[in-house]
Amino acid sequence: MATEKKYKWHKLAKPDEFLVAEGVVMHLAVPEKHFCITQHKGEYFAFQAKCPHAGASFEHAHINDSGCLVCPLHRFQFDIRNGRNVSGEGFYLVTYPIQTNEHGIWVGMPEQIW
């Protein structure tokens, strides 16, 4: 039986605050995790801070026109919507859910279940 993931939600900004520019990758941290956030076509996306291939920081990465994160080290590409490695190397980008509501912009970090 599959269980639904539970998240601890962290407020990143007020609803009317500017968080990150379109296509820019910004490094952030919450108590549980360092991660990166970007905006593509008006929607926010959050994902792990380092490349799953060689550990390069995504702070200097960019988002291409199709919504893929391009690693600055080896140019591996990851779909920011689902983490899939679209350049074919078989790595997977961990993504985190973003919620935007009248109270702000939030990122969800998976709760540890022991």
PDB file of N, CA and C in Angstrom:
ATOM      1  N   MET A   1       0.838  -1.178   0.000  1.00  0.00           N
ATOM      2  CA  MET A   1       0.000   0.000   0.000  1.00  0.00           C
ATOM      3  C   MET A   1       0.885   1.244   0.000  1.00  0.00           C
ATOM      4  N   ALA A   2       0.686   2.103  -0.950  1.00  0.00           N
ATOM      5  CA  ALA A   2       1.472   3.330  -1.051  1.00  0.00           C
ATOM      6  C   ALA A   2       0.966   4.356  -0.048  1.00  0.00           C
ATOM      7  N   THR A   3       1.909   5.065   0.563  1.00  0.00           N
ATOM      8  CA  THR A   3       1.523   6.115   1.495  1.00  0.00           C
ATOM      9  C   THR A   3       1.812   7.470   0.857  1.00  0.00           C
ATOM     10  N   GLU A   4       1.007   8.430   1.200  1.00  0.00           N
ATOM     11  CA  GLU A   4       1.166   9.777   0.677  1.00  0.00           C
ATOM     12  C   GLU A   4       2.318  10.471   1.397  1.00  0.00           C
ATOM     13  N   LYS A   5       3.167  11.165   0.633  1.00  0.00           N
ATOM     14  CA  LYS A   5       4.272  11.906   1.238  1.00  0.00           C
ATOM     15  C   LYS A   5       3.745  13.040   2.092  1.00  0.00           C
ATOM     16  N   LYS A   6       4.405  13.251   3.228  1.00  0.00           N
ATOM     17  CA  LYS A   6       4.058  14.365   4.102  1.00  0.00           C
ATOM     18  C   LYS A   6       5.189  15.379   4.038  1.00  0.00           C
ATOM     19  N   TYR A   7       4.799  16.653   4.061  1.00  0.00           N
ATOM     20  CA  TYR A   7       5.774  17.725   3.931  1.00  0.00           C
ATOM     21  C   TYR A   7       5.695  18.686   5.096  1.00  0.00           C
ATOM     22  N   LYS A   8       6.834  19.255   5.434  1.00  0.00           N
ATOM     23  CA  LYS A   8       6.892  20.389   6.348  1.00  0.00           C
ATOM     24  C   LYS A   8       7.046  21.610   5.449  1.00  0.00           C
ATOM     25  N   TRP A   9       6.121  22.564   5.577  1.00  0.00           N
ATOM     26  CA  TRP A   9       6.081  23.717   4.678  1.00  0.00           C
ATOM     27  C   TRP A   9       6.807  24.908   5.282  1.00  0.00           C
ATOM     28  N   HIS A  10       7.627  25.570   4.462  1.00  0.00           N
ATOM     29  CA  HIS A  10       8.413  26.721   4.878  1.00  0.00           C
ATOM     30  C   HIS A  10       8.047  27.915   4.003  1.00  0.00           C
ATOM     31  N   LYS A  11       7.742  29.027   4.656  1.00  0.00           N
ATOM     32  CA  LYS A  11       7.382  30.233   3.914  1.00  0.00           C
ATOM     33  C   LYS A  11       8.648  30.877   3.350  1.00  0.00           C
ATOM     34  N   LEU A  12       8.627  31.158   2.051  1.00  0.00           N
ATOM     35  CA  LEU A  12       9.768  31.769   1.381  1.00  0.00           C
ATOM     36  C   LEU A  12       9.585  33.260   1.164  1.00  0.00           C
ATOM     37  N   ALA A  13       8.346  33.689   0.964  1.00  0.00           N
ATOM     38  CA  ALA A  13       8.087  35.098   0.674  1.00  0.00           C
ATOM     39  C   ALA A  13       6.611  35.401   0.892  1.00  0.00           C
ATOM     40  N   LYS A  14       6.308  36.689   1.017  1.00  0.00           N
ATOM     41  CA  LYS A  14       4.914  37.127   1.049  1.00  0.00           C
ATOM     42  C   LYS A  14       4.343  36.972  -0.359  1.00  0.00           C
ATOM     43  N   PRO A  15       3.017  36.898  -0.494  1.00  0.00           N
ATOM     44  CA  PRO A  15       2.436  36.654  -1.820  1.00  0.00           C
ATOM     45  C   PRO A  15       2.798  37.696  -2.871  1.00  0.00           C
ATOM     46  N   ASP A  16       3.001  38.938  -2.467  1.00  0.00           N
ATOM     47  CA  ASP A  16       3.284  39.998  -3.441  1.00  0.00           C
ATOM     48  C   ASP A  16       4.777  40.318  -3.547  1.00  0.00           C
ATOM     49  N   GLU A  17       5.621  39.557  -2.846  1.00  0.00           N
ATOM     50  CA  GLU A  17       7.057  39.790  -2.907  1.00  0.00           C
ATOM     51  C   GLU A  17       7.665  39.117  -4.133  1.00  0.00           C
ATOM     52  N   PHE A  18       8.664  39.767  -4.688  1.00  0.00           N
ATOM     53  CA  PHE A  18       9.411  39.209  -5.803  1.00  0.00           C
ATOM     54  C   PHE A  18      10.427  38.230  -5.235  1.00  0.00           C
ATOM     55  N   LEU A  19      10.423  36.987  -5.666  1.00  0.00           N
ATOM     56  CA  LEU A  19      11.311  35.974  -5.101  1.00  0.00           C
ATOM     57  C   LEU A  19      12.549  35.739  -5.977  1.00  0.00           C
ATOM     58  N   VAL A  20      12.331  35.451  -7.242  1.00  0.00           N
ATOM     59  CA  VAL A  20      13.446  35.189  -8.159  1.00  0.00           C
ATOM     60  C   VAL A  20      12.978  35.504  -9.578  1.00  0.00           C
ATOM     61  N   ALA A  21      13.874  36.038 -10.384  1.00  0.00           N
ATOM     62  CA  ALA A  21      13.527  36.410 -11.764  1.00  0.00           C
ATOM     63  C   ALA A  21      13.377  35.178 -12.653  1.00  0.00           C
ATOM     64  N   GLU A  22      12.631  35.342 -13.698  1.00  0.00           N
ATOM     65  CA  GLU A  22      12.416  34.287 -14.698  1.00  0.00           C
ATOM     66  C   GLU A  22      13.763  33.749 -15.195  1.00  0.00           C
ATOM     67  N   GLY A  23      13.936  32.432 -15.096  1.00  0.00           N
ATOM     68  CA  GLY A  23      15.133  31.778 -15.619  1.00  0.00           C
ATOM     69  C   GLY A  23      16.371  31.843 -14.749  1.00  0.00           C
ATOM     70  N   VAL A  24      16.320  32.609 -13.665  1.00  0.00           N
ATOM     71  CA  VAL A  24      17.461  32.714 -12.748  1.00  0.00           C
ATOM     72  C   VAL A  24      17.357  31.596 -11.719  1.00  0.00           C
ATOM     73  N   VAL A  25      18.484  31.004 -11.361  1.00  0.00           N
ATOM     74  CA  VAL A  25      18.523  29.964 -10.332  1.00  0.00           C
ATOM     75  C   VAL A  25      19.125  30.582  -9.080  1.00  0.00           C
ATOM     76  N   MET A  26      18.385  30.490  -7.960  1.00  0.00           N
ATOM     77  CA  MET A  26      18.817  31.093  -6.700  1.00  0.00           C
ATOM     78  C   MET A  26      18.924  30.015  -5.623  1.00  0.00           C
ATOM     79  N   HIS A  27      19.991  30.078  -4.840  1.00  0.00           N
ATOM     80  CA  HIS A  27      20.216  29.145  -3.740  1.00  0.00           C
ATOM     81  C   HIS A  27      19.520  29.667  -2.489  1.00  0.00           C
ATOM     82  N   LEU A  28      18.779  28.799  -1.803  1.00  0.00           N
ATOM     83  CA  LEU A  28      18.109  29.132  -0.542  1.00  0.00           C
ATOM     84  C   LEU A  28      18.335  28.001   0.452  1.00  0.00           C
ATOM     85  N   ALA A  29      17.977  28.243   1.699  1.00  0.00           N
ATOM     86  CA  ALA A  29      18.069  27.211   2.724  1.00  0.00           C
ATOM     87  C   ALA A  29      16.916  27.350   3.701  1.00  0.00           C
ATOM     88  N   VAL A  30      16.447  26.213   4.171  1.00  0.00           N
ATOM     89  CA  VAL A  30      15.486  26.121   5.273  1.00  0.00           C
ATOM     90  C   VAL A  30      16.160  25.227   6.307  1.00  0.00           C
ATOM     91  N   PRO A  31      15.622  25.100   7.517  1.00  0.00           N
ATOM     92  CA  PRO A  31      16.327  24.308   8.532  1.00  0.00           C
ATOM     93  C   PRO A  31      16.725  22.887   8.100  1.00  0.00           C
ATOM     94  N   GLU A  32      15.926  22.241   7.285  1.00  0.00           N
ATOM     95  CA  GLU A  32      16.224  20.857   6.908  1.00  0.00           C
ATOM     96  C   GLU A  32      17.132  20.719   5.694  1.00  0.00           C
ATOM     97  N   LYS A  33      17.224  21.750   4.844  1.00  0.00           N
ATOM     98  CA  LYS A  33      17.826  21.512   3.538  1.00  0.00           C
ATOM     99  C   LYS A  33      18.253  22.786   2.824  1.00  0.00           C
ATOM    100  N   HIS A  34      19.316  22.665   2.058  1.00  0.00           N
ATOM    101  CA  HIS A  34      19.701  23.682   1.078  1.00  0.00           C
ATOM    102  C   HIS A  34      19.064  23.265  -0.240  1.00  0.00           C
ATOM    103  N   PHE A  35      18.588  24.229  -0.997  1.00  0.00           N
ATOM    104  CA  PHE A  35      17.939  23.906  -2.272  1.00  0.00           C
ATOM    105  C   PHE A  35      18.029  25.116  -3.187  1.00  0.00           C
ATOM    106  N   CYS A  36      17.588  24.946  -4.416  1.00  0.00           N
ATOM    107  CA  CYS A  36      17.551  26.057  -5.371  1.00  0.00           C
ATOM    108  C   CYS A  36      16.113  26.264  -5.823  1.00  0.00           C
ATOM    109  N   ILE A  37      15.863  27.486  -6.250  1.00  0.00           N
ATOM    110  CA  ILE A  37      14.527  27.835  -6.743  1.00  0.00           C
ATOM    111  C   ILE A  37      14.692  28.651  -8.015  1.00  0.00           C
ATOM    112  N   THR A  38      13.724  28.514  -8.911  1.00  0.00           N
ATOM    113  CA  THR A  38      13.712  29.298 -10.132  1.00  0.00           C
ATOM    114  C   THR A  38      12.269  29.603 -10.503  1.00  0.00           C
ATOM    115  N   GLN A  39      12.117  30.460 -11.479  1.00  0.00           N
ATOM    116  CA  GLN A  39      10.803  30.765 -12.021  1.00  0.00           C
ATOM    117  C   GLN A  39      10.864  30.509 -13.532  1.00  0.00           C
ATOM    118  N   HIS A  40       9.857  29.789 -14.016  1.00  0.00           N
ATOM    119  CA  HIS A  40       9.762  29.503 -15.457  1.00  0.00           C
ATOM    120  C   HIS A  40       8.314  29.689 -15.888  1.00  0.00           C
ATOM    121  N   LYS A  41       8.114  30.564 -16.848  1.00  0.00           N
ATOM    122  CA  LYS A  41       6.776  30.877 -17.363  1.00  0.00           C
ATOM    123  C   LYS A  41       5.805  31.250 -16.236  1.00  0.00           C
ATOM    124  N   GLY A  42       6.306  32.045 -15.276  1.00  0.00           N
ATOM    125  CA  GLY A  42       5.476  32.556 -14.200  1.00  0.00           C
ATOM    126  C   GLY A  42       5.228  31.599 -13.048  1.00  0.00           C
ATOM    127  N   GLU A  43       5.815  30.418 -13.081  1.00  0.00           N
ATOM    128  CA  GLU A  43       5.617  29.416 -12.025  1.00  0.00           C
ATOM    129  C   GLU A  43       6.950  29.141 -11.335  1.00  0.00           C
ATOM    130  N   TYR A  44       6.913  28.956 -10.000  1.00  0.00           N
ATOM    131  CA  TYR A  44       8.111  28.663  -9.228  1.00  0.00           C
ATOM    132  C   TYR A  44       8.374  27.164  -9.175  1.00  0.00           C
ATOM    133  N   PHE A  45       9.666  26.798  -9.164  1.00  0.00           N
ATOM    134  CA  PHE A  45      10.096  25.404  -9.058  1.00  0.00           C
ATOM    135  C   PHE A  45      11.270  25.335  -8.093  1.00  0.00           C
ATOM    136  N   ALA A  46      11.283  24.308  -7.235  1.00  0.00           N
ATOM    137  CA  ALA A  46      12.364  24.115  -6.275  1.00  0.00           C
ATOM    138  C   ALA A  46      12.980  22.736  -6.495  1.00  0.00           C
ATOM    139  N   PHE A  47      14.291  22.645  -6.277  1.00  0.00           N
ATOM    140  CA  PHE A  47      15.002  21.391  -6.527  1.00  0.00           C
ATOM    141  C   PHE A  47      16.306  21.382  -5.739  1.00  0.00           C
ATOM    142  N   GLN A  48      16.944  20.215  -5.696  1.00  0.00           N
ATOM    143  CA  GLN A  48      18.174  20.059  -4.929  1.00  0.00           C
ATOM    144  C   GLN A  48      19.224  21.066  -5.373  1.00  0.00           C
ATOM    145  N   ALA A  49      20.144  21.398  -4.471  1.00  0.00           N
ATOM    146  CA  ALA A  49      21.118  22.461  -4.704  1.00  0.00           C
ATOM    147  C   ALA A  49      22.321  22.034  -5.531  1.00  0.00           C
ATOM    148  N   LYS A  50      22.574  20.729  -5.619  1.00  0.00           N
ATOM    149  CA  LYS A  50      23.755  20.247  -6.341  1.00  0.00           C
ATOM    150  C   LYS A  50      23.373  19.181  -7.359  1.00  0.00           C
ATOM    151  N   CYS A  51      24.157  19.128  -8.409  1.00  0.00           N
ATOM    152  CA  CYS A  51      23.914  18.167  -9.481  1.00  0.00           C
ATOM    153  C   CYS A  51      24.084  16.739  -8.961  1.00  0.00           C
ATOM    154  N   PRO A  52      23.155  15.830  -9.287  1.00  0.00           N
ATOM    155  CA  PRO A  52      23.277  14.448  -8.833  1.00  0.00           C
ATOM    156  C   PRO A  52      24.410  13.689  -9.530  1.00  0.00           C
ATOM    157  N   HIS A  53      24.953  14.249 -10.584  1.00  0.00           N
ATOM    158  CA  HIS A  53      26.041  13.588 -11.307  1.00  0.00           C
ATOM    159  C   HIS A  53      27.400  13.820 -10.633  1.00  0.00           C
ATOM    160  N   ALA A  54      27.824  15.082 -10.538  1.00  0.00           N
ATOM    161  CA  ALA A  54      29.167  15.364 -10.024  1.00  0.00           C
ATOM    162  C   ALA A  54      29.173  16.367  -8.867  1.00  0.00           C
ATOM    163  N   GLY A  55      27.994  16.735  -8.378  1.00  0.00           N
ATOM    164  CA  GLY A  55      27.914  17.612  -7.212  1.00  0.00           C
ATOM    165  C   GLY A  55      28.139  19.089  -7.474  1.00  0.00           C
ATOM    166  N   ALA A  56      28.101  19.504  -8.737  1.00  0.00           N
ATOM    167  CA  ALA A  56      28.274  20.923  -9.049  1.00  0.00           C
ATOM    168  C   ALA A  56      27.115  21.729  -8.474  1.00  0.00           C
ATOM    169  N   SER A  57      27.421  22.907  -7.977  1.00  0.00           N
ATOM    170  CA  SER A  57      26.382  23.785  -7.450  1.00  0.00           C
ATOM    171  C   SER A  57      25.518  24.305  -8.599  1.00  0.00           C
ATOM    172  N   PHE A  58      24.225  24.325  -8.385  1.00  0.00           N
ATOM    173  CA  PHE A  58      23.307  24.836  -9.401  1.00  0.00           C
ATOM    174  C   PHE A  58      23.167  26.359  -9.339  1.00  0.00           C
ATOM    175  N   GLU A  59      23.890  27.026  -8.448  1.00  0.00           N
ATOM    176  CA  GLU A  59      23.806  28.489  -8.366  1.00  0.00           C
ATOM    177  C   GLU A  59      24.169  29.159  -9.690  1.00  0.00           C
ATOM    178  N   HIS A  60      25.013  28.530 -10.470  1.00  0.00           N
ATOM    179  CA  HIS A  60      25.451  29.105 -11.745  1.00  0.00           C
ATOM    180  C   HIS A  60      24.815  28.402 -12.941  1.00  0.00           C
ATOM    181  N   ALA A  61      23.801  27.613 -12.684  1.00  0.00           N
ATOM    182  CA  ALA A  61      23.079  26.924 -13.760  1.00  0.00           C
ATOM    183  C   ALA A  61      22.104  27.905 -14.401  1.00  0.00           C
ATOM    184  N   HIS A  62      21.489  27.469 -15.487  1.00  0.00           N
ATOM    185  CA  HIS A  62      20.443  28.291 -16.097  1.00  0.00           C
ATOM    186  C   HIS A  62      19.292  27.395 -16.528  1.00  0.00           C
ATOM    187  N   ILE A  63      18.157  28.026 -16.801  1.00  0.00           N
ATOM    188  CA  ILE A  63      16.965  27.327 -17.275  1.00  0.00           C
ATOM    189  C   ILE A  63      16.842  27.616 -18.761  1.00  0.00           C
ATOM    190  N   ASN A  64      16.752  26.558 -19.574  1.00  0.00           N
ATOM    191  CA  ASN A  64      16.626  26.788 -21.015  1.00  0.00           C
ATOM    192  C   ASN A  64      15.159  27.043 -21.380  1.00  0.00           C
ATOM    193  N   ASP A  65      14.896  27.299 -22.656  1.00  0.00           N
ATOM    194  CA  ASP A  65      13.545  27.653 -23.109  1.00  0.00           C
ATOM    195  C   ASP A  65      12.517  26.559 -22.881  1.00  0.00           C
ATOM    196  N   SER A  66      12.952  25.286 -22.829  1.00  0.00           N
ATOM    197  CA  SER A  66      11.988  24.204 -22.597  1.00  0.00           C
ATOM    198  C   SER A  66      11.770  23.871 -21.130  1.00  0.00           C
ATOM    199  N   GLY A  67      12.330  24.682 -20.230  1.00  0.00           N
ATOM    200  CA  GLY A  67      12.101  24.462 -18.802  1.00  0.00           C
ATOM    201  C   GLY A  67      13.031  23.437 -18.200  1.00  0.00           C
ATOM    202  N   CYS A  68      14.214  23.303 -18.766  1.00  0.00           N
ATOM    203  CA  CYS A  68      15.189  22.362 -18.225  1.00  0.00           C
ATOM    204  C   CYS A  68      16.328  23.111 -17.550  1.00  0.00           C
ATOM    205  N   LEU A  69      16.711  22.609 -16.400  1.00  0.00           N
ATOM    206  CA  LEU A  69      17.868  23.100 -15.678  1.00  0.00           C
ATOM    207  C   LEU A  69      19.103  22.551 -16.380  1.00  0.00           C
ATOM    208  N   VAL A  70      20.040  23.407 -16.726  1.00  0.00           N
ATOM    209  CA  VAL A  70      21.265  22.994 -17.406  1.00  0.00           C
ATOM    210  C   VAL A  70      22.425  23.145 -16.423  1.00  0.00           C
ATOM    211  N   CYS A  71      23.039  22.028 -16.068  1.00  0.00           N
ATOM    212  CA  CYS A  71      24.152  22.033 -15.116  1.00  0.00           C
ATOM    213  C   CYS A  71      25.330  22.798 -15.711  1.00  0.00           C
ATOM    214  N   PRO A  72      25.962  23.676 -14.905  1.00  0.00           N
ATOM    215  CA  PRO A  72      27.071  24.473 -15.429  1.00  0.00           C
ATOM    216  C   PRO A  72      28.353  23.665 -15.656  1.00  0.00           C
ATOM    217  N   LEU A  73      28.456  22.481 -15.083  1.00  0.00           N
ATOM    218  CA  LEU A  73      29.696  21.712 -15.185  1.00  0.00           C
ATOM    219  C   LEU A  73      29.746  20.847 -16.447  1.00  0.00           C
ATOM    220  N   HIS A  74      28.783  19.946 -16.613  1.00  0.00           N
ATOM    221  CA  HIS A  74      28.794  19.023 -17.751  1.00  0.00           C
ATOM    222  C   HIS A  74      27.616  19.202 -18.699  1.00  0.00           C
ATOM    223  N   ARG A  75      26.771  20.207 -18.439  1.00  0.00           N
ATOM    224  CA  ARG A  75      25.622  20.529 -19.301  1.00  0.00           C
ATOM    225  C   ARG A  75      24.526  19.458 -19.299  1.00  0.00           C
ATOM    226  N   PHE A  76      24.493  18.606 -18.259  1.00  0.00           N
ATOM    227  CA  PHE A  76      23.376  17.679 -18.134  1.00  0.00           C
ATOM    228  C   PHE A  76      22.115  18.511 -17.952  1.00  0.00           C
ATOM    229  N   GLN A  77      20.981  18.012 -18.463  1.00  0.00           N
ATOM    230  CA  GLN A  77      19.731  18.759 -18.401  1.00  0.00           C
ATOM    231  C   GLN A  77      18.671  17.979 -17.628  1.00  0.00           C
ATOM    232  N   PHE A  78      17.954  18.701 -16.770  1.00  0.00           N
ATOM    233  CA  PHE A  78      16.919  18.107 -15.923  1.00  0.00           C
ATOM    234  C   PHE A  78      15.636  18.916 -16.068  1.00  0.00           C
ATOM    235  N   ASP A  79      14.521  18.234 -16.272  1.00  0.00           N
ATOM    236  CA  ASP A  79      13.218  18.885 -16.351  1.00  0.00           C
ATOM    237  C   ASP A  79      12.842  19.341 -14.942  1.00  0.00           C
ATOM    238  N   ILE A  80      12.658  20.634 -14.749  1.00  0.00           N
ATOM    239  CA  ILE A  80      12.375  21.158 -13.406  1.00  0.00           C
ATOM    240  C   ILE A  80      10.972  20.810 -12.925  1.00  0.00           C
ATOM    241  N   ARG A  81      10.105  20.357 -13.812  1.00  0.00           N
ATOM    242  CA  ARG A  81       8.739  19.985 -13.414  1.00  0.00           C
ATOM    243  C   ARG A  81       8.685  18.624 -12.737  1.00  0.00           C
ATOM    244  N   ASN A  82       9.591  17.702 -13.132  1.00  0.00           N
ATOM    245  CA  ASN A  82       9.519  16.341 -12.583  1.00  0.00           C
ATOM    246  C   ASN A  82      10.872  15.733 -12.213  1.00  0.00           C
ATOM    247  N   GLY A  83      11.975  16.447 -12.475  1.00  0.00           N
ATOM    248  CA  GLY A  83      13.299  15.958 -12.115  1.00  0.00           C
ATOM    249  C   GLY A  83      13.941  15.011 -13.117  1.00  0.00           C
ATOM    250  N   ARG A  84      13.238  14.683 -14.193  1.00  0.00           N
ATOM    251  CA  ARG A  84      13.753  13.718 -15.170  1.00  0.00           C
ATOM    252  C   ARG A  84      14.969  14.273 -15.898  1.00  0.00           C
ATOM    253  N   ASN A  85      15.974  13.436 -16.047  1.00  0.00           N
ATOM    254  CA  ASN A  85      17.191  13.791 -16.783  1.00  0.00           C
ATOM    255  C   ASN A  85      16.889  13.627 -18.273  1.00  0.00           C
ATOM    256  N   VAL A  86      16.736  14.742 -18.989  1.00  0.00           N
ATOM    257  CA  VAL A  86      16.321  14.684 -20.395  1.00  0.00           C
ATOM    258  C   VAL A  86      17.490  14.554 -21.359  1.00  0.00           C
ATOM    259  N   SER A  87      18.721  14.666 -20.867  1.00  0.00           N
ATOM    260  CA  SER A  87      19.863  14.522 -21.766  1.00  0.00           C
ATOM    261  C   SER A  87      20.371  13.078 -21.810  1.00  0.00           C
ATOM    262  N   GLY A  88      19.703  12.170 -21.076  1.00  0.00           N
ATOM    263  CA  GLY A  88      19.929  10.738 -21.241  1.00  0.00           C
ATOM    264  C   GLY A  88      20.970  10.068 -20.378  1.00  0.00           C
ATOM    265  N   GLU A  89      21.519  10.746 -19.388  1.00  0.00           N
ATOM    266  CA  GLU A  89      22.562  10.123 -18.575  1.00  0.00           C
ATOM    267  C   GLU A  89      22.017   9.243 -17.449  1.00  0.00           C
ATOM    268  N   GLY A  90      20.733   9.322 -17.162  1.00  0.00           N
ATOM    269  CA  GLY A  90      20.126   8.440 -16.176  1.00  0.00           C
ATOM    270  C   GLY A  90      20.105   8.954 -14.747  1.00  0.00           C
ATOM    271  N   PHE A  91      20.482  10.200 -14.525  1.00  0.00           N
ATOM    272  CA  PHE A  91      20.426  10.775 -13.180  1.00  0.00           C
ATOM    273  C   PHE A  91      19.046  11.379 -12.938  1.00  0.00           C
ATOM    274  N   TYR A  92      18.721  11.618 -11.677  1.00  0.00           N
ATOM    275  CA  TYR A  92      17.412  12.150 -11.319  1.00  0.00           C
ATOM    276  C   TYR A  92      17.591  13.338 -10.382  1.00  0.00           C
ATOM    277  N   LEU A  93      16.923  14.426 -10.689  1.00  0.00           N
ATOM    278  CA  LEU A  93      16.947  15.641  -9.886  1.00  0.00           C
ATOM    279  C   LEU A  93      15.817  15.589  -8.858  1.00  0.00           C
ATOM    280  N   VAL A  94      16.140  15.747  -7.592  1.00  0.00           N
ATOM    281  CA  VAL A  94      15.112  15.784  -6.554  1.00  0.00           C
ATOM    282  C   VAL A  94      14.421  17.140  -6.621  1.00  0.00           C
ATOM    283  N   THR A  95      13.102  17.113  -6.714  1.00  0.00           N
ATOM    284  CA  THR A  95      12.316  18.343  -6.763  1.00  0.00           C
ATOM    285  C   THR A  95      11.467  18.455  -5.501  1.00  0.00           C
ATOM    286  N   TYR A  96      11.094  19.687  -5.162  1.00  0.00           N
ATOM    287  CA  TYR A  96      10.287  19.951  -3.973  1.00  0.00           C
ATOM    288  C   TYR A  96       9.057  20.745  -4.389  1.00  0.00           C
ATOM    289  N   PRO A  97       7.913  20.461  -3.793  1.00  0.00           N
ATOM    290  CA  PRO A  97       6.692  21.174  -4.176  1.00  0.00           C
ATOM    291  C   PRO A  97       6.702  22.630  -3.708  1.00  0.00           C
ATOM    292  N   ILE A  98       6.099  23.467  -4.519  1.00  0.00           N
ATOM    293  CA  ILE A  98       5.924  24.887  -4.210  1.00  0.00           C
ATOM    294  C   ILE A  98       4.429  25.167  -4.177  1.00  0.00           C
ATOM    295  N   GLN A  99       3.988  25.900  -3.178  1.00  0.00           N
ATOM    296  CA  GLN A  99       2.597  26.346  -3.110  1.00  0.00           C
ATOM    297  C   GLN A  99       2.585  27.866  -3.006  1.00  0.00           C
ATOM    298  N   THR A 100       1.713  28.468  -3.776  1.00  0.00           N
ATOM    299  CA  THR A 100       1.521  29.910  -3.702  1.00  0.00           C
ATOM    300  C   THR A 100       0.067  30.156  -3.345  1.00  0.00           C
ATOM    301  N   ASN A 101      -0.153  30.921  -2.281  1.00  0.00           N
ATOM    302  CA  ASN A 101      -1.524  31.236  -1.874  1.00  0.00           C
ATOM    303  C   ASN A 101      -1.566  32.657  -1.323  1.00  0.00           C
ATOM    304  N   GLU A 102      -2.690  33.043  -0.764  1.00  0.00           N
ATOM    305  CA  GLU A 102      -2.850  34.413  -0.266  1.00  0.00           C
ATOM    306  C   GLU A 102      -1.937  34.730   0.920  1.00  0.00           C
ATOM    307  N   HIS A 103      -1.322  33.695   1.523  1.00  0.00           N
ATOM    308  CA  HIS A 103      -0.440  33.898   2.671  1.00  0.00           C
ATOM    309  C   HIS A 103       1.039  33.933   2.285  1.00  0.00           C
ATOM    310  N   GLY A 104       1.358  33.515   1.066  1.00  0.00           N
ATOM    311  CA  GLY A 104       2.752  33.558   0.652  1.00  0.00           C
ATOM    312  C   GLY A 104       3.142  32.481  -0.331  1.00  0.00           C
ATOM    313  N   ILE A 105       4.456  32.373  -0.504  1.00  0.00           N
ATOM    314  CA  ILE A 105       5.061  31.347  -1.358  1.00  0.00           C
ATOM    315  C   ILE A 105       5.766  30.373  -0.420  1.00  0.00           C
ATOM    316  N   TRP A 106       5.471  29.089  -0.568  1.00  0.00           N
ATOM    317  CA  TRP A 106       5.936  28.058   0.364  1.00  0.00           C
ATOM    318  C   TRP A 106       6.655  26.944  -0.387  1.00  0.00           C
ATOM    319  N   VAL A 107       7.658  26.345   0.275  1.00  0.00           N
ATOM    320  CA  VAL A 107       8.311  25.147  -0.248  1.00  0.00           C
ATOM    321  C   VAL A 107       8.054  24.021   0.749  1.00  0.00           C
ATOM    322  N   GLY A 108       7.804  22.826   0.219  1.00  0.00           N
ATOM    323  CA  GLY A 108       7.560  21.651   1.063  1.00  0.00           C
ATOM    324  C   GLY A 108       8.778  20.751   1.095  1.00  0.00           C
ATOM    325  N   MET A 109       9.256  20.440   2.295  1.00  0.00           N
ATOM    326  CA  MET A 109      10.358  19.505   2.464  1.00  0.00           C
ATOM    327  C   MET A 109       9.804  18.218   3.060  1.00  0.00           C
ATOM    328  N   PRO A 110      10.170  17.081   2.468  1.00  0.00           N
ATOM    329  CA  PRO A 110       9.618  15.804   2.967  1.00  0.00           C
ATOM    330  C   PRO A 110       9.943  15.600   4.432  1.00  0.00           C
ATOM    331  N   GLU A 111       8.944  15.147   5.176  1.00  0.00           N
ATOM    332  CA  GLU A 111       9.158  14.824   6.583  1.00  0.00           C
ATOM    333  C   GLU A 111       9.823  13.463   6.675  1.00  0.00           C
ATOM    334  N   GLN A 112      10.762  13.344   7.582  1.00  0.00           N
ATOM    335  CA  GLN A 112      11.435  12.054   7.815  1.00  0.00           C
ATOM    336  C   GLN A 112      10.493  11.144   8.597  1.00  0.00           C
ATOM    337  N   ILE A 113      10.360   9.923   8.136  1.00  0.00           N
ATOM    338  CA  ILE A 113       9.557   8.935   8.856  1.00  0.00           C
ATOM    339  C   ILE A 113      10.497   7.842   9.333  1.00  0.00           C
ATOM    340  N   TRP A 114      10.595   7.683  10.631  1.00  0.00           N
ATOM    341  CA  TRP A 114      11.513   6.686  11.197  1.00  0.00           C
ATOM    342  C   TRP A 114      10.771   5.501  11.676  1.00  0.00           C
TER     343      TRP A 114
END
